[in-house]
All heavy atoms as atom14 arrays in JSON, in Angstrom:
{
  "sequence": "GTTDYEDSVKGRFTISRDKANSWYLQMNSLKPEDTA",
  "atom14_mask": [
    [1, 1, 1, 1, 0, 0, 0, 0, 0, 0, 0, 0, 0, 0],
    [1, 1, 1, 1, 1, 1, 1, 0, 0, 0, 0, 0, 0, 0],
    [1, 1, 1, 1, 1, 1, 1, 0, 0, 0, 0, 0, 0, 0],
    [1, 1, 1, 1, 1, 1, 1, 1, 0, 0, 0, 0, 0, 0],
    [1, 1, 1, 1, 1, 1, 1, 1, 1, 1, 1, 1, 0, 0],
    [1, 1, 1, 1, 1, 1, 1, 1, 1, 0, 0, 0, 0, 0],
    [1, 1, 1, 1, 1, 1, 1, 1, 0, 0, 0, 0, 0, 0],
    [1, 1, 1, 1, 1, 1, 0, 0, 0, 0, 0, 0, 0, 0],
    [1, 1, 1, 1, 1, 1, 1, 0, 0, 0, 0, 0, 0, 0],
    [1, 1, 1, 1, 1, 1, 1, 1, 1, 0, 0, 0, 0, 0],
    [1, 1, 1, 1, 0, 0, 0, 0, 0, 0, 0, 0, 0, 0],
    [1, 1, 1, 1, 1, 1, 1, 1, 1, 1, 1, 0, 0, 0],
    [1, 1, 1, 1, 1, 1, 1, 1, 1, 1, 1, 0, 0, 0],
    [1, 1, 1, 1, 1, 1, 1, 0, 0, 0, 0, 0, 0, 0],
    [1, 1, 1, 1, 1, 1, 1, 1, 0, 0, 0, 0, 0, 0],
    [1, 1, 1, 1, 1, 1, 0, 0, 0, 0, 0, 0, 0, 0],
    [1, 1, 1, 1, 1, 1, 1, 1, 1, 1, 1, 0, 0, 0],
    [1, 1, 1, 1, 1, 1, 1, 1, 0, 0, 0, 0, 0, 0],
    [1, 1, 1, 1, 1, 1, 1, 1, 1, 0, 0, 0, 0, 0],
    [1, 1, 1, 1, 1, 0, 0, 0, 0, 0, 0, 0, 0, 0],
    [1, 1, 1, 1, 1, 1, 1, 1, 0, 0, 0, 0, 0, 0],
    [1, 1, 1, 1, 1, 1, 0, 0, 0, 0, 0, 0, 0, 0],
    [1, 1, 1, 1, 1, 1, 1, 1, 1, 1, 1, 1, 1, 1],
    [1, 1, 1, 1, 1, 1, 1, 1, 1, 1, 1, 1, 0, 0],
    [1, 1, 1, 1, 1, 1, 1, 1, 0, 0, 0, 0, 0, 0],
    [1, 1, 1, 1, 1, 1, 1, 1, 1, 0, 0, 0, 0, 0],
    [1, 1, 1, 1, 1, 1, 1, 1, 0, 0, 0, 0, 0, 0],
    [1, 1, 1, 1, 1, 1, 1, 1, 0, 0, 0, 0, 0, 0],
    [1, 1, 1, 1, 1, 1, 0, 0, 0, 0, 0, 0, 0, 0],
    [1, 1, 1, 1, 1, 1, 1, 1, 0, 0, 0, 0, 0, 0],
    [1, 1, 1, 1, 1, 1, 1, 1, 1, 0, 0, 0, 0, 0],
    [1, 1, 1, 1, 1, 1, 1, 0, 0, 0, 0, 0, 0, 0],
    [1, 1, 1, 1, 1, 1, 1, 1, 1, 0, 0, 0, 0, 0],
    [1, 1, 1, 1, 1, 1, 1, 1, 0, 0, 0, 0, 0, 0],
    [1, 1, 1, 1, 1, 1, 1, 0, 0, 0, 0, 0, 0, 0],
    [1, 1, 1, 1, 1, 0, 0, 0, 0, 0, 0, 0, 0, 0]
  ],
  "atom14_positions": [
    [[-13.01, -12.43, 31.78], [-13.49, -12.8, 30.45], [-13.3, -11.75, 29.37], [-13.74, -11.96, 28.23], [0.0, 0.0, 0.0], [0.0, 0.0, 0.0], [0.0, 0.0, 0.0], [0.0, 0.0, 0.0], [0.0, 0.0, 0.0], [0.0, 0.0, 0.0], [0.0, 0.0, 0.0], [0.0, 0.0, 0.0], [0.0, 0.0, 0.0], [0.0, 0.0, 0.0]],
    [[-12.65, -10.67, 29.7], [-12.39, -9.64, 28.69], [-11.28, -10.11, 27.76], [-10.22, -10.52, 28.21], [-11.99, -8.32, 29.36], [-13.04, -7.9, 30.23], [-11.75, -7.25, 28.3], [0.0, 0.0, 0.0], [0.0, 0.0, 0.0], [0.0, 0.0, 0.0], [0.0, 0.0, 0.0], [0.0, 0.0, 0.0], [0.0, 0.0, 0.0], [0.0, 0.0, 0.0]],
    [[-11.55, -10.03, 26.46], [-10.58, -10.51, 25.47], [-10.05, -9.37, 24.62], [-10.69, -8.33, 24.47], [-11.22, -11.57, 24.56], [-12.34, -11.0, 23.88], [-11.67, -12.78, 25.36], [0.0, 0.0, 0.0], [0.0, 0.0, 0.0], [0.0, 0.0, 0.0], [0.0, 0.0, 0.0], [0.0, 0.0, 0.0], [0.0, 0.0, 0.0], [0.0, 0.0, 0.0]],
    [[-8.88, -9.62, 24.05], [-8.27, -8.65, 23.14], [-7.43, -9.44, 22.14], [-6.89, -10.51, 22.48], [-7.41, -7.66, 23.9], [-7.07, -6.43, 23.07], [-7.75, -6.2, 22.04], [-6.13, -5.7, 23.43], [0.0, 0.0, 0.0], [0.0, 0.0, 0.0], [0.0, 0.0, 0.0], [0.0, 0.0, 0.0], [0.0, 0.0, 0.0], [0.0, 0.0, 0.0]],
    [[-7.32, -8.9, 20.91], [-6.63, -9.61, 19.85], [-5.72, -8.68, 19.05], [-6.02, -7.48, 18.89], [-7.64, -10.23, 18.87], [-8.54, -11.25, 19.51], [-9.77, -10.88, 20.04], [-8.16, -12.59, 19.58], [-10.6, -11.81, 20.65], [-8.99, -13.53, 20.18], [-10.19, -13.13, 20.71], [-11.02, -14.06, 21.31], [0.0, 0.0, 0.0], [0.0, 0.0, 0.0]],
    [[-4.65, -9.24, 18.58], [-3.8, -8.54, 17.62], [-4.58, -8.4, 16.33], [-5.36, -9.27, 15.95], [-2.51, -9.34, 17.44], [-1.39, -8.61, 16.72], [-1.44, -8.81, 15.24], [-1.89, -9.89, 14.81], [-1.07, -7.87, 14.5], [0.0, 0.0, 0.0], [0.0, 0.0, 0.0], [0.0, 0.0, 0.0], [0.0, 0.0, 0.0], [0.0, 0.0, 0.0]],
    [[-4.38, -7.29, 15.63], [-5.21, -6.97, 14.48], [-5.23, -8.07, 13.41], [-6.28, -8.35, 12.82], [-4.75, -5.66, 13.84], [-5.16, -4.44, 14.64], [-6.02, -4.58, 15.54], [-4.62, -3.35, 14.39], [0.0, 0.0, 0.0], [0.0, 0.0, 0.0], [0.0, 0.0, 0.0], [0.0, 0.0, 0.0], [0.0, 0.0, 0.0], [0.0, 0.0, 0.0]],
    [[-4.11, -8.69, 13.15], [-4.05, -9.65, 12.05], [-4.82, -10.95, 12.32], [-5.06, -11.72, 11.4], [-2.59, -9.99, 11.72], [-2.01, -10.76, 12.76], [0.0, 0.0, 0.0], [0.0, 0.0, 0.0], [0.0, 0.0, 0.0], [0.0, 0.0, 0.0], [0.0, 0.0, 0.0], [0.0, 0.0, 0.0], [0.0, 0.0, 0.0], [0.0, 0.0, 0.0]],
    [[-5.21, -11.18, 13.57], [-5.94, -12.42, 13.89], [-7.39, -12.17, 14.25], [-8.14, -13.12, 14.48], [-5.23, -13.21, 15.02], [-3.75, -13.43, 14.71], [-5.41, -12.52, 16.37], [0.0, 0.0, 0.0], [0.0, 0.0, 0.0], [0.0, 0.0, 0.0], [0.0, 0.0, 0.0], [0.0, 0.0, 0.0], [0.0, 0.0, 0.0], [0.0, 0.0, 0.0]],
    [[-7.78, -10.91, 14.32], [-9.17, -10.6, 14.68], [-10.11, -11.24, 13.67], [-9.91, -11.15, 12.46], [-9.37, -9.08, 14.72], [-8.8, -8.42, 15.96], [-9.07, -6.92, 15.96], [-8.49, -6.28, 17.2], [-8.65, -4.81, 17.2], [0.0, 0.0, 0.0], [0.0, 0.0, 0.0], [0.0, 0.0, 0.0], [0.0, 0.0, 0.0], [0.0, 0.0, 0.0]],
    [[-11.15, -11.88, 14.19], [-12.11, -12.55, 13.32], [-11.71, -13.96, 12.94], [-12.52, -14.7, 12.38], [0.0, 0.0, 0.0], [0.0, 0.0, 0.0], [0.0, 0.0, 0.0], [0.0, 0.0, 0.0], [0.0, 0.0, 0.0], [0.0, 0.0, 0.0], [0.0, 0.0, 0.0], [0.0, 0.0, 0.0], [0.0, 0.0, 0.0], [0.0, 0.0, 0.0]],
    [[-10.46, -14.33, 13.2], [-10.0, -15.68, 12.86], [-9.65, -16.5, 14.11], [-9.85, -17.71, 14.12], [-8.75, -15.6, 11.97], [-8.98, -14.89, 10.65], [-7.78, -15.04, 9.71], [-6.56, -14.47, 10.25], [-5.42, -15.16, 10.43], [-5.37, -16.44, 10.12], [-4.35, -14.56, 10.91], [0.0, 0.0, 0.0], [0.0, 0.0, 0.0], [0.0, 0.0, 0.0]],
    [[-9.11, -15.86, 15.11], [-8.69, -16.54, 16.34], [-9.65, -16.19, 17.48], [-10.14, -15.06, 17.56], [-7.29, -16.12, 16.76], [-6.17, -16.6, 15.86], [-6.42, -17.19, 14.63], [-4.86, -16.46, 16.27], [-5.39, -17.63, 13.82], [-3.81, -16.9, 15.47], [-4.07, -17.48, 14.24], [0.0, 0.0, 0.0], [0.0, 0.0, 0.0], [0.0, 0.0, 0.0]],
    [[-9.86, -17.16, 18.37], [-10.68, -16.93, 19.54], [-9.99, -17.51, 20.77], [-9.63, -18.7, 20.77], [-12.07, -17.58, 19.4], [-12.71, -17.08, 18.22], [-12.93, -17.29, 20.61], [0.0, 0.0, 0.0], [0.0, 0.0, 0.0], [0.0, 0.0, 0.0], [0.0, 0.0, 0.0], [0.0, 0.0, 0.0], [0.0, 0.0, 0.0], [0.0, 0.0, 0.0]],
    [[-9.81, -16.68, 21.77], [-9.24, -17.14, 23.04], [-10.38, -17.4, 24.01], [-11.36, -16.65, 24.05], [-8.23, -16.1, 23.61], [-7.48, -16.68, 24.81], [-8.91, -14.79, 23.95], [-6.31, -15.81, 25.27], [0.0, 0.0, 0.0], [0.0, 0.0, 0.0], [0.0, 0.0, 0.0], [0.0, 0.0, 0.0], [0.0, 0.0, 0.0], [0.0, 0.0, 0.0]],
    [[-10.24, -18.47, 24.77], [-11.32, -18.81, 25.71], [-10.76, -19.59, 26.88], [-9.61, -20.02, 26.88], [-12.4, -19.63, 25.0], [-11.87, -20.87, 24.55], [0.0, 0.0, 0.0], [0.0, 0.0, 0.0], [0.0, 0.0, 0.0], [0.0, 0.0, 0.0], [0.0, 0.0, 0.0], [0.0, 0.0, 0.0], [0.0, 0.0, 0.0], [0.0, 0.0, 0.0]],
    [[-11.64, -19.76, 27.87], [-11.28, -20.55, 29.04], [-12.39, -21.55, 29.27], [-13.58, -21.22, 29.22], [-11.12, -19.66, 30.26], [-10.74, -20.42, 31.53], [-10.6, -19.48, 32.7], [-10.11, -20.16, 33.89], [-9.85, -19.54, 35.06], [-10.03, -18.24, 35.15], [-9.41, -20.22, 36.08], [0.0, 0.0, 0.0], [0.0, 0.0, 0.0], [0.0, 0.0, 0.0]],
    [[-12.0, -22.77, 29.56], [-12.95, -23.82, 29.87], [-12.4, -24.61, 31.04], [-11.23, -24.98, 31.02], [-13.15, -24.73, 28.66], [-14.18, -25.8, 28.92], [-15.04, -25.6, 29.8], [-14.14, -26.85, 28.25], [0.0, 0.0, 0.0], [0.0, 0.0, 0.0], [0.0, 0.0, 0.0], [0.0, 0.0, 0.0], [0.0, 0.0, 0.0], [0.0, 0.0, 0.0]],
    [[-13.17, -24.8, 32.05], [-12.72, -25.43, 33.3], [-11.82, -24.44, 34.03], [-11.43, -23.4, 33.51], [-11.98, -26.74, 33.04], [-12.72, -27.73, 32.18], [-11.87, -28.95, 31.89], [-12.54, -29.87, 30.91], [-11.67, -31.02, 30.56], [0.0, 0.0, 0.0], [0.0, 0.0, 0.0], [0.0, 0.0, 0.0], [0.0, 0.0, 0.0], [0.0, 0.0, 0.0]],
    [[-11.45, -24.81, 35.2], [-10.7, -23.87, 36.04], [-9.27, -23.7, 35.56], [-8.65, -22.67, 35.83], [-10.71, -24.35, 37.48], [0.0, 0.0, 0.0], [0.0, 0.0, 0.0], [0.0, 0.0, 0.0], [0.0, 0.0, 0.0], [0.0, 0.0, 0.0], [0.0, 0.0, 0.0], [0.0, 0.0, 0.0], [0.0, 0.0, 0.0], [0.0, 0.0, 0.0]],
    [[-8.73, -24.72, 34.84], [-7.3, -24.67, 34.58], [-6.94, -24.77, 33.12], [-5.79, -25.05, 32.78], [-6.61, -25.82, 35.32], [-6.99, -27.18, 34.76], [-8.06, -27.33, 34.17], [-6.14, -28.17, 34.94], [0.0, 0.0, 0.0], [0.0, 0.0, 0.0], [0.0, 0.0, 0.0], [0.0, 0.0, 0.0], [0.0, 0.0, 0.0], [0.0, 0.0, 0.0]],
    [[-7.89, -24.57, 32.2], [-7.6, -24.75, 30.78], [-8.01, -23.53, 29.98], [-9.14, -23.03, 30.1], [-8.33, -25.98, 30.24], [-7.93, -27.14, 30.92], [0.0, 0.0, 0.0], [0.0, 0.0, 0.0], [0.0, 0.0, 0.0], [0.0, 0.0, 0.0], [0.0, 0.0, 0.0], [0.0, 0.0, 0.0], [0.0, 0.0, 0.0], [0.0, 0.0, 0.0]],
    [[-7.1, -23.09, 29.15], [-7.34, -21.99, 28.24], [-7.07, -22.5, 26.82], [-6.28, -23.43, 26.63], [-6.41, -20.82, 28.53], [-6.78, -20.05, 29.75], [-7.45, -18.85, 29.81], [-6.49, -20.4, 31.12], [-7.58, -18.44, 31.11], [-7.01, -19.36, 31.93], [-5.84, -21.46, 31.73], [-6.9, -19.37, 33.33], [-5.73, -21.48, 33.1], [-6.26, -20.45, 33.89]],
    [[-7.72, -21.86, 25.84], [-7.63, -22.33, 24.46], [-7.43, -21.16, 23.5], [-7.81, -20.02, 23.8], [-8.91, -23.08, 24.08], [-9.22, -24.23, 24.99], [-10.09, -24.07, 26.06], [-8.61, -25.47, 24.81], [-10.35, -25.12, 26.93], [-8.88, -26.52, 25.67], [-9.75, -26.34, 26.73], [-10.01, -27.38, 27.59], [0.0, 0.0, 0.0], [0.0, 0.0, 0.0]],
    [[-6.83, -21.49, 22.39], [-6.77, -20.56, 21.27], [-7.28, -21.31, 20.03], [-6.58, -22.18, 19.51], [-5.35, -20.04, 21.04], [-5.23, -18.95, 19.97], [-5.94, -17.67, 20.43], [-3.78, -18.67, 19.63], [0.0, 0.0, 0.0], [0.0, 0.0, 0.0], [0.0, 0.0, 0.0], [0.0, 0.0, 0.0], [0.0, 0.0, 0.0], [0.0, 0.0, 0.0]],
    [[-8.5, -20.98, 19.63], [-9.08, -21.57, 18.43], [-8.61, -20.73, 17.25], [-8.86, -19.51, 17.21], [-10.6, -21.58, 18.5], [-11.28, -22.11, 17.25], [-11.03, -23.59, 17.03], [-11.1, -24.37, 17.96], [-10.75, -23.97, 15.79], [0.0, 0.0, 0.0], [0.0, 0.0, 0.0], [0.0, 0.0, 0.0], [0.0, 0.0, 0.0], [0.0, 0.0, 0.0]],
    [[-7.96, -21.38, 16.31], [-7.4, -20.66, 15.16], [-8.04, -21.18, 13.88], [-7.89, -22.36, 13.54], [-5.88, -20.86, 15.1], [-5.18, -20.49, 16.4], [-3.38, -20.55, 16.27], [-3.13, -22.29, 15.98], [0.0, 0.0, 0.0], [0.0, 0.0, 0.0], [0.0, 0.0, 0.0], [0.0, 0.0, 0.0], [0.0, 0.0, 0.0], [0.0, 0.0, 0.0]],
    [[-8.77, -20.32, 13.2], [-9.45, -20.67, 11.96], [-8.85, -19.88, 10.8], [-8.17, -18.88, 11.01], [-10.94, -20.38, 12.08], [-11.61, -21.17, 13.17], [-11.25, -22.31, 13.46], [-12.62, -20.57, 13.79], [0.0, 0.0, 0.0], [0.0, 0.0, 0.0], [0.0, 0.0, 0.0], [0.0, 0.0, 0.0], [0.0, 0.0, 0.0], [0.0, 0.0, 0.0]],
    [[-9.15, -20.33, 9.61], [-8.67, -19.64, 8.39], [-7.18, -19.35, 8.47], [-6.72, -18.23, 8.22], [-9.46, -18.34, 8.19], [-10.84, -18.58, 8.09], [0.0, 0.0, 0.0], [0.0, 0.0, 0.0], [0.0, 0.0, 0.0], [0.0, 0.0, 0.0], [0.0, 0.0, 0.0], [0.0, 0.0, 0.0], [0.0, 0.0, 0.0], [0.0, 0.0, 0.0]],
    [[-6.43, -20.36, 8.84], [-5.0, -20.16, 9.05], [-4.3, -19.81, 7.74], [-4.67, -20.27, 6.66], [-4.39, -21.42, 9.66], [-4.67, -21.57, 11.17], [-4.44, -23.0, 11.62], [-3.79, -20.61, 11.95], [0.0, 0.0, 0.0], [0.0, 0.0, 0.0], [0.0, 0.0, 0.0], [0.0, 0.0, 0.0], [0.0, 0.0, 0.0], [0.0, 0.0, 0.0]],
    [[-3.26, -18.98, 7.9], [-2.46, -18.51, 6.78], [-1.0, -18.93, 7.0], [-0.58, -19.11, 8.15], [-2.53, -16.98, 6.7], [-3.94, -16.43, 6.6], [-3.93, -14.92, 6.65], [-5.33, -14.34, 6.57], [-5.33, -12.87, 6.62], [0.0, 0.0, 0.0], [0.0, 0.0, 0.0], [0.0, 0.0, 0.0], [0.0, 0.0, 0.0], [0.0, 0.0, 0.0]],
    [[-0.23, -19.03, 5.94], [1.19, -19.38, 6.12], [1.91, -18.43, 7.07], [2.8, -18.86, 7.82], [1.74, -19.29, 4.7], [0.57, -19.64, 3.83], [-0.61, -19.03, 4.51], [0.0, 0.0, 0.0], [0.0, 0.0, 0.0], [0.0, 0.0, 0.0], [0.0, 0.0, 0.0], [0.0, 0.0, 0.0], [0.0, 0.0, 0.0], [0.0, 0.0, 0.0]],
    [[1.51, -17.18, 7.09], [2.16, -16.21, 7.99], [1.81, -16.42, 9.45], [2.37, -15.75, 10.33], [1.84, -14.77, 7.57], [0.37, -14.48, 7.39], [-0.06, -14.58, 5.92], [0.35, -15.54, 5.23], [-0.82, -13.69, 5.49], [0.0, 0.0, 0.0], [0.0, 0.0, 0.0], [0.0, 0.0, 0.0], [0.0, 0.0, 0.0], [0.0, 0.0, 0.0]],
    [[0.89, -17.34, 9.74], [0.6, -17.69, 11.13], [1.6, -18.73, 11.66], [1.56, -19.06, 12.85], [-0.82, -18.25, 11.26], [-1.89, -17.23, 10.96], [-1.76, -16.07, 11.39], [-2.88, -17.59, 10.27], [0.0, 0.0, 0.0], [0.0, 0.0, 0.0], [0.0, 0.0, 0.0], [0.0, 0.0, 0.0], [0.0, 0.0, 0.0], [0.0, 0.0, 0.0]],
    [[2.44, -19.23, 10.8], [3.44, -20.2, 11.22], [4.36, -19.61, 12.28], [4.94, -18.55, 12.08], [4.28, -20.67, 10.02], [3.43, -21.39, 9.11], [5.42, -21.57, 10.47], [0.0, 0.0, 0.0], [0.0, 0.0, 0.0], [0.0, 0.0, 0.0], [0.0, 0.0, 0.0], [0.0, 0.0, 0.0], [0.0, 0.0, 0.0], [0.0, 0.0, 0.0]],
    [[4.45, -20.29, 13.43], [5.24, -19.78, 14.55], [5.19, -20.8, 15.68], [4.4, -21.74, 15.66], [4.68, -18.45, 15.04], [0.0, 0.0, 0.0], [0.0, 0.0, 0.0], [0.0, 0.0, 0.0], [0.0, 0.0, 0.0], [0.0, 0.0, 0.0], [0.0, 0.0, 0.0], [0.0, 0.0, 0.0], [0.0, 0.0, 0.0], [0.0, 0.0, 0.0]]
  ]
}
């Protein structure tokens, strides 16, 4: 459960795991530079 983030997404993105086989990336306050 230890998490780490790239500086530009800290406070906006959250990585998590739910259930045994699913991981998520919640992305808030998205910016055009997040396009990828």
